[in-house]
N, C-alpha and C. Protein backbone atom coordinates (compact mmCIF):
# COMPACT_ATOMS: atom_id res chain seq x y z
N UNK A 1 -4.59 -21.62 -8.81
CA UNK A 1 -5.29 -20.34 -8.87
C UNK A 1 -4.98 -19.43 -7.67
N UNK A 2 -5.00 -19.95 -6.43
CA UNK A 2 -4.64 -19.07 -5.31
C UNK A 2 -3.23 -18.51 -5.44
N UNK A 3 -2.29 -19.32 -5.98
CA UNK A 3 -0.91 -18.85 -6.16
C UNK A 3 -0.85 -17.71 -7.18
N UNK A 4 -1.60 -17.85 -8.26
CA UNK A 4 -1.62 -16.78 -9.27
C UNK A 4 -2.22 -15.51 -8.69
N UNK A 5 -3.30 -15.65 -7.92
CA UNK A 5 -3.91 -14.49 -7.28
C UNK A 5 -2.94 -13.84 -6.29
N UNK A 6 -2.26 -14.67 -5.52
CA UNK A 6 -1.30 -14.18 -4.54
C UNK A 6 -0.20 -13.37 -5.22
N UNK A 7 0.40 -13.94 -6.27
CA UNK A 7 1.51 -13.26 -6.95
C UNK A 7 1.05 -11.96 -7.60
N UNK A 8 -0.16 -11.97 -8.17
CA UNK A 8 -0.67 -10.78 -8.86
C UNK A 8 -0.93 -9.65 -7.87
N UNK A 9 -1.59 -9.95 -6.77
CA UNK A 9 -1.90 -8.90 -5.79
C UNK A 9 -0.62 -8.42 -5.10
N UNK A 10 0.26 -9.33 -4.79
CA UNK A 10 1.53 -8.96 -4.16
C UNK A 10 2.32 -8.01 -5.06
N UNK A 11 2.31 -8.28 -6.36
CA UNK A 11 3.06 -7.45 -7.30
C UNK A 11 2.50 -6.04 -7.38
N UNK A 12 1.18 -5.90 -7.39
CA UNK A 12 0.62 -4.55 -7.49
C UNK A 12 0.78 -3.78 -6.18
N UNK A 13 0.86 -4.49 -5.07
CA UNK A 13 1.17 -3.82 -3.81
C UNK A 13 2.64 -3.39 -3.80
N UNK A 14 3.51 -4.29 -4.23
CA UNK A 14 4.94 -4.01 -4.26
C UNK A 14 5.25 -2.77 -5.08
N UNK A 15 4.57 -2.62 -6.22
CA UNK A 15 4.84 -1.50 -7.13
C UNK A 15 3.92 -0.31 -6.90
N UNK A 16 3.25 -0.31 -5.74
CA UNK A 16 2.43 0.82 -5.28
C UNK A 16 1.22 1.11 -6.15
N UNK A 17 0.83 0.15 -7.00
CA UNK A 17 -0.42 0.31 -7.73
C UNK A 17 -1.60 0.21 -6.78
N UNK A 18 -1.41 -0.52 -5.69
CA UNK A 18 -2.29 -0.44 -4.52
C UNK A 18 -1.44 0.24 -3.44
N UNK A 19 -1.66 1.52 -3.20
CA UNK A 19 -0.79 2.25 -2.27
C UNK A 19 -1.08 1.92 -0.81
N UNK A 20 -0.17 2.26 0.08
CA UNK A 20 -0.39 2.03 1.51
C UNK A 20 -1.69 2.66 1.97
N UNK A 21 -2.47 1.90 2.74
CA UNK A 21 -3.73 2.40 3.26
C UNK A 21 -4.92 2.18 2.36
N UNK A 22 -4.68 1.73 1.13
CA UNK A 22 -5.76 1.49 0.18
C UNK A 22 -6.59 0.27 0.61
N UNK A 23 -7.91 0.39 0.53
CA UNK A 23 -8.79 -0.73 0.83
C UNK A 23 -8.69 -1.76 -0.29
N UNK A 24 -8.60 -3.02 0.07
CA UNK A 24 -8.54 -4.12 -0.90
C UNK A 24 -9.86 -4.89 -0.81
N UNK A 25 -10.67 -4.78 -1.85
CA UNK A 25 -11.96 -5.45 -1.86
C UNK A 25 -11.85 -6.77 -2.62
N UNK A 26 -12.23 -7.80 -1.96
CA UNK A 26 -12.13 -9.15 -2.51
C UNK A 26 -12.83 -9.26 -3.86
N UNK A 27 -14.04 -8.73 -3.94
CA UNK A 27 -14.82 -8.86 -5.18
C UNK A 27 -14.18 -8.09 -6.34
N UNK A 28 -13.59 -6.93 -6.04
CA UNK A 28 -12.95 -6.15 -7.11
C UNK A 28 -11.71 -6.86 -7.64
N UNK A 29 -10.92 -7.42 -6.73
CA UNK A 29 -9.73 -8.16 -7.15
C UNK A 29 -10.13 -9.35 -8.00
N UNK A 30 -11.19 -10.04 -7.60
CA UNK A 30 -11.66 -11.21 -8.34
C UNK A 30 -12.05 -10.83 -9.77
N UNK A 31 -12.73 -9.68 -9.91
CA UNK A 31 -13.14 -9.22 -11.25
C UNK A 31 -11.91 -8.86 -12.09
N UNK A 32 -10.97 -8.13 -11.49
CA UNK A 32 -9.76 -7.71 -12.21
C UNK A 32 -8.97 -8.92 -12.70
N UNK A 33 -8.87 -9.94 -11.86
CA UNK A 33 -8.07 -11.12 -12.20
C UNK A 33 -8.88 -12.16 -12.98
N UNK A 34 -10.18 -11.95 -13.10
CA UNK A 34 -11.02 -12.92 -13.81
C UNK A 34 -11.10 -14.25 -13.09
N UNK A 35 -11.20 -14.18 -11.76
CA UNK A 35 -11.24 -15.40 -10.94
C UNK A 35 -12.49 -15.39 -10.07
N UNK A 36 -12.77 -16.54 -9.49
CA UNK A 36 -13.79 -16.59 -8.46
C UNK A 36 -13.22 -15.99 -7.18
N UNK A 37 -14.07 -15.72 -6.21
CA UNK A 37 -13.61 -15.08 -4.99
C UNK A 37 -12.85 -16.04 -4.06
N UNK A 38 -13.05 -17.34 -4.23
CA UNK A 38 -12.40 -18.30 -3.32
C UNK A 38 -10.87 -18.24 -3.39
N UNK A 39 -10.24 -18.35 -4.58
CA UNK A 39 -8.77 -18.25 -4.62
C UNK A 39 -8.27 -16.88 -4.22
N UNK A 40 -9.05 -15.84 -4.52
CA UNK A 40 -8.65 -14.49 -4.12
C UNK A 40 -8.65 -14.37 -2.60
N UNK A 41 -9.67 -14.93 -1.95
CA UNK A 41 -9.74 -14.90 -0.49
C UNK A 41 -8.53 -15.63 0.11
N UNK A 42 -8.18 -16.77 -0.46
CA UNK A 42 -7.02 -17.53 0.04
C UNK A 42 -5.74 -16.71 -0.11
N UNK A 43 -5.63 -16.03 -1.25
CA UNK A 43 -4.45 -15.21 -1.49
C UNK A 43 -4.37 -14.05 -0.50
N UNK A 44 -5.50 -13.41 -0.21
CA UNK A 44 -5.51 -12.29 0.72
C UNK A 44 -5.16 -12.73 2.14
N UNK A 45 -5.61 -13.89 2.52
CA UNK A 45 -5.26 -14.42 3.85
C UNK A 45 -3.75 -14.65 3.94
N UNK A 46 -3.17 -15.20 2.89
CA UNK A 46 -1.72 -15.42 2.87
C UNK A 46 -0.96 -14.10 2.92
N UNK A 47 -1.43 -13.10 2.16
CA UNK A 47 -0.78 -11.79 2.16
C UNK A 47 -0.87 -11.12 3.52
N UNK A 48 -1.98 -11.35 4.21
CA UNK A 48 -2.11 -10.81 5.57
C UNK A 48 -1.09 -11.46 6.50
N UNK A 49 -0.94 -12.77 6.38
CA UNK A 49 0.02 -13.48 7.23
C UNK A 49 1.44 -12.97 7.00
N UNK A 50 1.75 -12.55 5.78
CA UNK A 50 3.09 -12.08 5.45
C UNK A 50 3.27 -10.59 5.71
N UNK A 51 2.20 -9.91 6.13
CA UNK A 51 2.32 -8.50 6.48
C UNK A 51 2.08 -7.51 5.37
N UNK A 52 1.65 -7.98 4.19
CA UNK A 52 1.41 -7.06 3.08
C UNK A 52 0.10 -6.30 3.23
N UNK A 53 -0.89 -6.92 3.83
CA UNK A 53 -2.18 -6.29 4.04
C UNK A 53 -2.62 -6.55 5.49
N UNK A 54 -3.62 -5.78 5.92
CA UNK A 54 -4.15 -5.94 7.27
C UNK A 54 -5.67 -6.10 7.20
N UNK A 55 -6.20 -6.90 8.08
CA UNK A 55 -7.64 -7.07 8.18
C UNK A 55 -8.18 -6.05 9.18
N UNK A 56 -9.09 -5.20 8.70
CA UNK A 56 -9.72 -4.20 9.55
C UNK A 56 -11.17 -4.63 9.78
N UNK A 57 -11.58 -4.86 11.02
CA UNK A 57 -12.95 -5.30 11.29
C UNK A 57 -13.99 -4.40 10.64
N UNK A 58 -14.95 -5.00 9.96
CA UNK A 58 -16.07 -4.35 9.28
C UNK A 58 -15.65 -3.51 8.08
N UNK A 59 -14.38 -3.52 7.74
CA UNK A 59 -13.92 -2.78 6.56
C UNK A 59 -13.26 -3.68 5.52
N UNK A 60 -12.82 -4.83 5.94
CA UNK A 60 -12.10 -5.71 5.03
C UNK A 60 -10.60 -5.51 5.16
N UNK A 61 -9.90 -5.71 4.05
CA UNK A 61 -8.44 -5.58 4.06
C UNK A 61 -8.00 -4.20 3.60
N UNK A 62 -6.89 -3.72 4.16
CA UNK A 62 -6.22 -2.54 3.63
C UNK A 62 -4.75 -2.88 3.41
N UNK A 63 -4.13 -2.18 2.46
CA UNK A 63 -2.70 -2.36 2.23
C UNK A 63 -1.94 -1.82 3.45
N UNK A 64 -1.01 -2.59 3.95
CA UNK A 64 -0.26 -2.18 5.14
C UNK A 64 0.47 -0.86 4.90
N UNK A 65 0.41 0.05 5.85
CA UNK A 65 1.15 1.31 5.71
C UNK A 65 2.65 1.05 5.76
N UNK A 66 3.40 2.00 5.24
CA UNK A 66 4.86 1.92 5.31
C UNK A 66 5.29 2.70 6.55
N UNK A 67 5.78 1.97 7.53
CA UNK A 67 6.04 2.52 8.86
C UNK A 67 7.55 2.63 9.10
N UNK A 68 7.96 3.76 9.64
CA UNK A 68 9.39 4.00 9.87
C UNK A 68 10.00 2.92 10.76
N UNK A 69 9.28 2.49 11.78
CA UNK A 69 9.83 1.47 12.69
C UNK A 69 10.09 0.16 11.96
N UNK A 70 9.18 -0.21 11.04
CA UNK A 70 9.38 -1.45 10.28
C UNK A 70 10.62 -1.35 9.40
N UNK A 71 10.76 -0.21 8.70
CA UNK A 71 11.93 -0.04 7.83
C UNK A 71 13.21 0.01 8.64
N UNK A 72 13.14 0.61 9.81
CA UNK A 72 14.31 0.65 10.70
C UNK A 72 14.78 -0.76 11.01
N UNK A 73 13.84 -1.63 11.35
CA UNK A 73 14.18 -3.01 11.69
C UNK A 73 14.73 -3.76 10.48
N UNK A 74 14.15 -3.53 9.31
CA UNK A 74 14.63 -4.19 8.09
C UNK A 74 16.06 -3.74 7.78
N UNK A 75 16.30 -2.44 7.89
CA UNK A 75 17.64 -1.93 7.58
C UNK A 75 18.68 -2.42 8.57
N UNK A 76 18.29 -2.63 9.81
CA UNK A 76 19.25 -3.16 10.78
C UNK A 76 19.77 -4.53 10.34
N UNK A 77 18.92 -5.27 9.65
CA UNK A 77 19.33 -6.57 9.11
C UNK A 77 20.11 -6.40 7.81
N UNK A 78 19.53 -5.60 6.91
CA UNK A 78 20.09 -5.48 5.55
C UNK A 78 21.46 -4.83 5.55
N UNK A 79 21.66 -3.81 6.38
CA UNK A 79 22.97 -3.15 6.42
C UNK A 79 24.08 -4.14 6.72
N UNK A 80 23.85 -4.99 7.70
CA UNK A 80 24.87 -5.96 8.09
C UNK A 80 25.06 -7.02 7.02
N UNK A 81 23.94 -7.60 6.53
CA UNK A 81 24.05 -8.71 5.60
C UNK A 81 24.49 -8.27 4.21
N UNK A 82 24.16 -7.04 3.81
CA UNK A 82 24.67 -6.53 2.54
C UNK A 82 26.19 -6.43 2.59
N UNK A 83 26.70 -5.99 3.75
CA UNK A 83 28.15 -5.93 3.92
C UNK A 83 28.78 -7.30 3.84
N UNK A 84 28.15 -8.28 4.49
CA UNK A 84 28.65 -9.67 4.43
C UNK A 84 28.65 -10.17 2.98
N UNK A 85 27.55 -9.88 2.26
CA UNK A 85 27.45 -10.31 0.86
C UNK A 85 28.58 -9.70 0.04
N UNK A 86 28.86 -8.42 0.26
CA UNK A 86 29.94 -7.76 -0.48
C UNK A 86 31.29 -8.36 -0.18
N UNK A 87 31.53 -8.68 1.10
CA UNK A 87 32.81 -9.29 1.47
C UNK A 87 32.99 -10.64 0.78
N UNK A 88 31.94 -11.45 0.79
CA UNK A 88 32.03 -12.76 0.13
C UNK A 88 32.17 -12.61 -1.38
N UNK A 89 31.39 -11.69 -1.95
CA UNK A 89 31.42 -11.51 -3.41
C UNK A 89 32.78 -11.02 -3.89
N UNK A 90 33.43 -10.19 -3.08
CA UNK A 90 34.74 -9.65 -3.48
C UNK A 90 35.77 -10.74 -3.69
N UNK A 91 35.61 -11.84 -2.97
CA UNK A 91 36.56 -12.93 -3.12
C UNK A 91 36.13 -14.01 -4.09
N UNK A 92 34.90 -13.91 -4.62
CA UNK A 92 34.37 -14.98 -5.46
C UNK A 92 33.95 -14.54 -6.86
N UNK A 93 33.73 -13.26 -7.07
CA UNK A 93 33.23 -12.79 -8.36
C UNK A 93 34.32 -12.83 -9.43
N UNK A 94 33.92 -13.17 -10.64
CA UNK A 94 34.83 -13.13 -11.78
C UNK A 94 34.87 -11.73 -12.36
N UNK A 95 35.84 -11.49 -13.22
CA UNK A 95 35.95 -10.20 -13.88
C UNK A 95 34.71 -9.91 -14.71
N UNK A 96 34.18 -10.93 -15.38
CA UNK A 96 32.98 -10.75 -16.21
C UNK A 96 31.77 -10.38 -15.35
N UNK A 97 31.67 -10.98 -14.18
CA UNK A 97 30.55 -10.66 -13.29
C UNK A 97 30.66 -9.23 -12.76
N UNK A 98 31.87 -8.81 -12.47
CA UNK A 98 32.06 -7.42 -12.04
C UNK A 98 31.75 -6.46 -13.18
N UNK A 99 32.00 -6.88 -14.40
CA UNK A 99 31.64 -6.06 -15.55
C UNK A 99 30.13 -5.84 -15.61
N UNK A 100 29.37 -6.83 -15.18
CA UNK A 100 27.91 -6.67 -15.17
C UNK A 100 27.49 -5.61 -14.15
N UNK A 101 28.17 -5.56 -13.02
CA UNK A 101 27.89 -4.48 -12.07
C UNK A 101 28.19 -3.12 -12.69
N UNK A 102 29.26 -3.05 -13.46
CA UNK A 102 29.59 -1.81 -14.17
C UNK A 102 28.47 -1.44 -15.14
N UNK A 103 27.93 -2.42 -15.84
CA UNK A 103 26.81 -2.19 -16.77
C UNK A 103 25.61 -1.61 -16.01
N UNK A 104 25.30 -2.16 -14.85
CA UNK A 104 24.15 -1.67 -14.07
C UNK A 104 24.38 -0.23 -13.61
N UNK A 105 25.60 0.10 -13.26
CA UNK A 105 25.91 1.47 -12.86
C UNK A 105 25.69 2.43 -14.03
N UNK A 106 26.14 2.03 -15.22
CA UNK A 106 25.97 2.89 -16.39
C UNK A 106 24.49 3.06 -16.72
N UNK A 107 23.70 2.02 -16.55
CA UNK A 107 22.26 2.11 -16.79
C UNK A 107 21.60 3.02 -15.75
N UNK A 108 22.10 2.98 -14.53
CA UNK A 108 21.58 3.89 -13.50
C UNK A 108 21.85 5.35 -13.89
N UNK A 109 23.03 5.60 -14.41
CA UNK A 109 23.36 6.97 -14.83
C UNK A 109 22.40 7.44 -15.92
N UNK A 110 22.10 6.55 -16.88
CA UNK A 110 21.17 6.91 -17.95
C UNK A 110 19.78 7.19 -17.39
N UNK A 111 19.35 6.38 -16.42
CA UNK A 111 18.02 6.58 -15.83
C UNK A 111 17.94 7.95 -15.16
N UNK A 112 19.00 8.35 -14.46
CA UNK A 112 18.98 9.66 -13.80
C UNK A 112 19.03 10.79 -14.82
N UNK A 113 19.79 10.59 -15.89
CA UNK A 113 19.83 11.61 -16.95
C UNK A 113 18.45 11.84 -17.54
N UNK A 114 17.64 10.78 -17.56
CA UNK A 114 16.27 10.86 -18.08
C UNK A 114 15.25 11.17 -16.99
N UNK A 115 15.73 11.44 -15.77
CA UNK A 115 14.85 11.71 -14.62
C UNK A 115 13.84 10.58 -14.41
N UNK A 116 14.27 9.36 -14.69
CA UNK A 116 13.40 8.20 -14.51
C UNK A 116 13.77 7.53 -13.18
N UNK A 117 13.14 8.00 -12.12
CA UNK A 117 13.48 7.50 -10.78
C UNK A 117 12.97 6.08 -10.54
N UNK A 118 11.91 5.71 -11.25
CA UNK A 118 11.40 4.34 -11.11
C UNK A 118 12.42 3.36 -11.69
N UNK A 119 12.91 3.67 -12.89
CA UNK A 119 13.93 2.81 -13.51
C UNK A 119 15.19 2.78 -12.65
N UNK A 120 15.56 3.94 -12.10
CA UNK A 120 16.74 3.97 -11.25
C UNK A 120 16.56 3.05 -10.04
N UNK A 121 15.39 3.09 -9.42
CA UNK A 121 15.12 2.25 -8.25
C UNK A 121 15.23 0.78 -8.61
N UNK A 122 14.68 0.39 -9.76
CA UNK A 122 14.77 -1.01 -10.20
C UNK A 122 16.23 -1.41 -10.41
N UNK A 123 17.00 -0.54 -11.04
CA UNK A 123 18.40 -0.85 -11.31
C UNK A 123 19.22 -0.89 -10.03
N UNK A 124 18.91 -0.01 -9.10
CA UNK A 124 19.58 -0.02 -7.80
C UNK A 124 19.31 -1.33 -7.09
N UNK A 125 18.07 -1.79 -7.16
CA UNK A 125 17.71 -3.07 -6.56
C UNK A 125 18.49 -4.21 -7.22
N UNK A 126 18.62 -4.15 -8.55
CA UNK A 126 19.36 -5.18 -9.28
C UNK A 126 20.83 -5.18 -8.87
N UNK A 127 21.41 -3.99 -8.67
CA UNK A 127 22.82 -3.88 -8.30
C UNK A 127 23.08 -4.61 -6.97
N UNK A 128 22.26 -4.31 -5.98
CA UNK A 128 22.46 -4.93 -4.67
C UNK A 128 22.13 -6.42 -4.70
N UNK A 129 21.08 -6.77 -5.43
CA UNK A 129 20.70 -8.18 -5.51
C UNK A 129 21.79 -9.01 -6.20
N UNK A 130 22.42 -8.44 -7.21
CA UNK A 130 23.46 -9.17 -7.94
C UNK A 130 24.68 -9.42 -7.05
N UNK A 131 24.99 -8.45 -6.19
CA UNK A 131 26.10 -8.66 -5.25
C UNK A 131 25.78 -9.83 -4.32
N UNK A 132 24.53 -9.92 -3.88
CA UNK A 132 24.13 -11.06 -3.04
C UNK A 132 24.28 -12.36 -3.83
N UNK A 133 23.91 -12.35 -5.12
CA UNK A 133 24.11 -13.54 -5.96
C UNK A 133 25.58 -13.92 -6.01
N UNK A 134 26.44 -12.92 -6.14
CA UNK A 134 27.88 -13.19 -6.28
C UNK A 134 28.49 -13.74 -4.99
N UNK A 135 27.80 -13.56 -3.87
CA UNK A 135 28.29 -14.11 -2.61
C UNK A 135 28.22 -15.64 -2.61
N UNK A 136 27.35 -16.19 -3.47
CA UNK A 136 27.23 -17.66 -3.63
C UNK A 136 26.91 -18.35 -2.31
N UNK A 137 25.96 -17.77 -1.59
CA UNK A 137 25.55 -18.34 -0.30
C UNK A 137 24.02 -18.41 -0.29
N UNK A 138 23.44 -19.57 -0.58
CA UNK A 138 21.97 -19.68 -0.67
C UNK A 138 21.25 -19.28 0.61
N UNK A 139 21.83 -19.54 1.76
CA UNK A 139 21.18 -19.16 3.02
C UNK A 139 21.11 -17.64 3.17
N UNK A 140 22.18 -16.98 2.79
CA UNK A 140 22.19 -15.52 2.81
C UNK A 140 21.18 -14.98 1.82
N UNK A 141 21.12 -15.59 0.64
CA UNK A 141 20.15 -15.20 -0.38
C UNK A 141 18.72 -15.30 0.16
N UNK A 142 18.43 -16.38 0.86
CA UNK A 142 17.09 -16.58 1.39
C UNK A 142 16.70 -15.52 2.41
N UNK A 143 17.63 -15.18 3.30
CA UNK A 143 17.34 -14.16 4.31
C UNK A 143 17.13 -12.81 3.65
N UNK A 144 17.98 -12.47 2.69
CA UNK A 144 17.85 -11.17 2.02
C UNK A 144 16.56 -11.09 1.22
N UNK A 145 16.17 -12.19 0.58
CA UNK A 145 14.93 -12.19 -0.18
C UNK A 145 13.72 -11.92 0.72
N UNK A 146 13.79 -12.40 1.94
CA UNK A 146 12.66 -12.23 2.85
C UNK A 146 12.48 -10.77 3.27
N UNK A 147 13.50 -9.96 3.08
CA UNK A 147 13.44 -8.55 3.48
C UNK A 147 13.38 -7.58 2.30
N UNK A 148 13.91 -8.01 1.16
CA UNK A 148 14.17 -7.06 0.07
C UNK A 148 12.91 -6.46 -0.54
N UNK A 149 11.84 -7.22 -0.64
CA UNK A 149 10.64 -6.68 -1.28
C UNK A 149 9.97 -5.60 -0.43
N UNK A 150 9.90 -5.82 0.87
CA UNK A 150 9.34 -4.78 1.73
C UNK A 150 10.22 -3.53 1.69
N UNK A 151 11.52 -3.74 1.62
CA UNK A 151 12.44 -2.61 1.53
C UNK A 151 12.26 -1.89 0.20
N UNK A 152 12.08 -2.64 -0.88
CA UNK A 152 11.87 -2.04 -2.20
C UNK A 152 10.63 -1.15 -2.18
N UNK A 153 9.55 -1.63 -1.57
CA UNK A 153 8.32 -0.84 -1.52
C UNK A 153 8.56 0.47 -0.78
N UNK A 154 9.29 0.42 0.32
CA UNK A 154 9.59 1.64 1.06
C UNK A 154 10.46 2.61 0.27
N UNK A 155 11.42 2.06 -0.46
CA UNK A 155 12.30 2.91 -1.27
C UNK A 155 11.53 3.56 -2.41
N UNK A 156 10.66 2.78 -3.05
CA UNK A 156 9.86 3.31 -4.15
C UNK A 156 8.89 4.39 -3.65
N UNK A 157 8.34 4.16 -2.48
CA UNK A 157 7.37 5.09 -1.89
C UNK A 157 8.00 6.44 -1.57
N UNK A 158 9.27 6.45 -1.20
CA UNK A 158 9.93 7.68 -0.76
C UNK A 158 10.82 8.32 -1.82
N UNK A 159 10.99 7.69 -2.97
CA UNK A 159 12.01 8.14 -3.92
C UNK A 159 11.84 9.61 -4.34
N UNK A 160 10.61 10.08 -4.48
CA UNK A 160 10.39 11.46 -4.93
C UNK A 160 10.63 12.47 -3.82
N UNK A 161 10.77 12.00 -2.61
CA UNK A 161 10.95 12.89 -1.47
C UNK A 161 12.39 12.88 -0.97
N UNK A 162 13.25 12.16 -1.66
CA UNK A 162 14.65 12.08 -1.27
C UNK A 162 15.51 12.87 -2.26
N UNK A 163 16.73 13.22 -1.87
CA UNK A 163 17.62 13.90 -2.82
C UNK A 163 17.84 13.02 -4.06
N UNK A 164 18.07 13.66 -5.20
CA UNK A 164 18.36 12.90 -6.42
C UNK A 164 19.56 11.99 -6.15
N UNK A 165 19.45 10.70 -6.45
CA UNK A 165 20.44 9.72 -5.96
C UNK A 165 21.76 9.67 -6.73
N UNK A 166 22.31 10.83 -7.04
CA UNK A 166 23.62 10.85 -7.70
C UNK A 166 24.71 10.31 -6.77
N UNK A 167 24.55 10.55 -5.48
CA UNK A 167 25.55 10.07 -4.53
C UNK A 167 25.59 8.55 -4.49
N UNK A 168 24.44 7.92 -4.66
CA UNK A 168 24.41 6.46 -4.66
C UNK A 168 25.23 5.90 -5.81
N UNK A 169 25.15 6.56 -6.97
CA UNK A 169 25.93 6.09 -8.12
C UNK A 169 27.42 6.24 -7.85
N UNK A 170 27.80 7.36 -7.24
CA UNK A 170 29.20 7.56 -6.87
C UNK A 170 29.68 6.46 -5.92
N UNK A 171 28.83 6.12 -4.96
CA UNK A 171 29.19 5.07 -4.00
C UNK A 171 29.22 3.70 -4.65
N UNK A 172 28.29 3.44 -5.56
CA UNK A 172 28.31 2.17 -6.29
C UNK A 172 29.61 2.03 -7.08
N UNK A 173 30.03 3.12 -7.70
CA UNK A 173 31.28 3.10 -8.47
C UNK A 173 32.47 2.79 -7.57
N UNK A 174 32.47 3.38 -6.38
CA UNK A 174 33.55 3.13 -5.42
C UNK A 174 33.52 1.69 -4.92
N UNK A 175 32.33 1.18 -4.66
CA UNK A 175 32.19 -0.22 -4.21
C UNK A 175 32.74 -1.16 -5.25
N UNK A 176 32.40 -0.92 -6.51
CA UNK A 176 32.90 -1.77 -7.59
C UNK A 176 34.41 -1.70 -7.71
N UNK A 177 34.97 -0.51 -7.57
CA UNK A 177 36.43 -0.36 -7.66
C UNK A 177 37.13 -1.16 -6.57
N UNK A 178 36.55 -1.15 -5.35
CA UNK A 178 37.14 -1.90 -4.25
C UNK A 178 36.99 -3.40 -4.48
N UNK A 179 35.86 -3.80 -5.09
CA UNK A 179 35.68 -5.22 -5.41
C UNK A 179 36.72 -5.67 -6.43
N UNK A 180 36.99 -4.83 -7.42
CA UNK A 180 38.01 -5.16 -8.43
C UNK A 180 39.40 -5.24 -7.80
N UNK A 181 39.61 -4.45 -6.76
CA UNK A 181 40.89 -4.48 -6.06
C UNK A 181 41.00 -5.66 -5.10
N UNK A 182 39.89 -6.42 -4.99
CA UNK A 182 39.85 -7.62 -4.14
C UNK A 182 40.21 -7.31 -2.69
N UNK A 183 39.49 -6.32 -2.13
CA UNK A 183 39.69 -5.96 -0.72
C UNK A 183 38.37 -6.23 0.01
N UNK A 184 38.11 -7.48 0.42
CA UNK A 184 36.82 -7.87 0.99
C UNK A 184 36.39 -7.04 2.20
N UNK A 185 37.32 -6.75 3.11
CA UNK A 185 36.95 -6.02 4.33
C UNK A 185 36.51 -4.60 3.99
N UNK A 186 37.20 -3.97 3.04
CA UNK A 186 36.83 -2.61 2.64
C UNK A 186 35.47 -2.60 1.93
N UNK A 187 35.21 -3.63 1.13
CA UNK A 187 33.90 -3.73 0.47
C UNK A 187 32.80 -3.85 1.51
N UNK A 188 33.02 -4.68 2.51
CA UNK A 188 32.02 -4.86 3.56
C UNK A 188 31.72 -3.54 4.26
N UNK A 189 32.75 -2.82 4.62
CA UNK A 189 32.57 -1.56 5.32
C UNK A 189 31.86 -0.53 4.43
N UNK A 190 32.24 -0.48 3.15
CA UNK A 190 31.65 0.50 2.24
C UNK A 190 30.18 0.21 1.98
N UNK A 191 29.84 -1.06 1.77
CA UNK A 191 28.45 -1.41 1.51
C UNK A 191 27.57 -1.14 2.74
N UNK A 192 28.07 -1.45 3.90
CA UNK A 192 27.31 -1.19 5.12
C UNK A 192 27.08 0.31 5.29
N UNK A 193 28.10 1.10 5.06
CA UNK A 193 27.98 2.56 5.16
C UNK A 193 27.01 3.10 4.12
N UNK A 194 27.08 2.57 2.92
CA UNK A 194 26.20 2.99 1.82
C UNK A 194 24.74 2.71 2.16
N UNK A 195 24.46 1.54 2.67
CA UNK A 195 23.08 1.19 3.05
C UNK A 195 22.61 2.06 4.22
N UNK A 196 23.51 2.35 5.15
CA UNK A 196 23.12 3.15 6.30
C UNK A 196 22.73 4.56 5.87
N UNK A 197 23.48 5.14 4.96
CA UNK A 197 23.14 6.48 4.49
C UNK A 197 21.77 6.49 3.83
N UNK A 198 21.50 5.50 2.98
CA UNK A 198 20.20 5.40 2.32
C UNK A 198 19.09 5.22 3.36
N UNK A 199 19.38 4.44 4.37
CA UNK A 199 18.44 4.19 5.47
C UNK A 199 18.03 5.51 6.13
N UNK A 200 18.99 6.36 6.44
CA UNK A 200 18.71 7.65 7.07
C UNK A 200 17.88 8.52 6.14
N UNK A 201 18.22 8.55 4.86
CA UNK A 201 17.48 9.36 3.89
C UNK A 201 16.01 8.93 3.81
N UNK A 202 15.78 7.63 3.80
CA UNK A 202 14.42 7.12 3.67
C UNK A 202 13.59 7.46 4.91
N UNK A 203 14.16 7.30 6.09
CA UNK A 203 13.43 7.63 7.31
C UNK A 203 13.11 9.11 7.37
N UNK A 204 14.03 9.95 6.91
CA UNK A 204 13.77 11.40 6.88
C UNK A 204 12.67 11.72 5.88
N UNK A 205 12.65 11.02 4.74
CA UNK A 205 11.61 11.25 3.74
C UNK A 205 10.24 10.87 4.27
N UNK A 206 10.17 9.78 5.01
CA UNK A 206 8.87 9.34 5.57
C UNK A 206 8.25 10.41 6.46
N UNK A 207 9.09 11.20 7.11
CA UNK A 207 8.59 12.23 8.02
C UNK A 207 7.92 13.38 7.28
N UNK A 208 8.28 13.57 6.00
CA UNK A 208 7.74 14.75 5.28
C UNK A 208 6.69 14.37 4.24
N UNK A 209 6.45 13.08 4.04
CA UNK A 209 5.44 12.68 3.07
C UNK A 209 4.05 13.01 3.63
N UNK A 210 3.24 13.74 2.87
CA UNK A 210 1.91 14.12 3.37
C UNK A 210 1.07 12.88 3.67
N UNK A 211 0.35 12.91 4.76
CA UNK A 211 -0.57 11.84 5.11
C UNK A 211 -1.87 12.04 4.38
N UNK A 212 -2.29 10.99 3.62
CA UNK A 212 -3.52 11.13 2.83
C UNK A 212 -4.71 10.58 3.60
């Protein structure tokens, strides 16, 4: 039961159904999930330990704000490791696996044509995650997983305040072309540059989002 409560609350925080700064009331979560308060309390304590929520004295828990400094630190890790993943994937991916990256790019184009930025964000996440899968390095996968969800929340939070991500699709297409050409060093450099540009866009967006 605590695990189910943990996963449920984490998911609604991840997808901004509980936005940054929102108060999290133990009794309300228990009612929504149809659980007693004990497993919910255990789940909230675990989420606090992982940084998803914060305990505020006499107020209870609030959803952790999305802070530029935190995202800066995450991107410092992700930029480097995404490049490493691309370099490894370029030498290990099959033609069929690269075709799947092409499929994700085409789906991203459709999402933008429909002005569906949420779908685009999910597909963008899938594109980068699949490259990490193609690296075939479980240790790298574990490190990236520990950062990717917090990064996803920040990207989702800022998506409406950033330029329409047509440039990302262009860069994804270029990354795939270099992977097909089997040039690992160029893939690494391109992926790192691609992540860095997105990193700058997100930090700039955080500065203009109205404080509620």
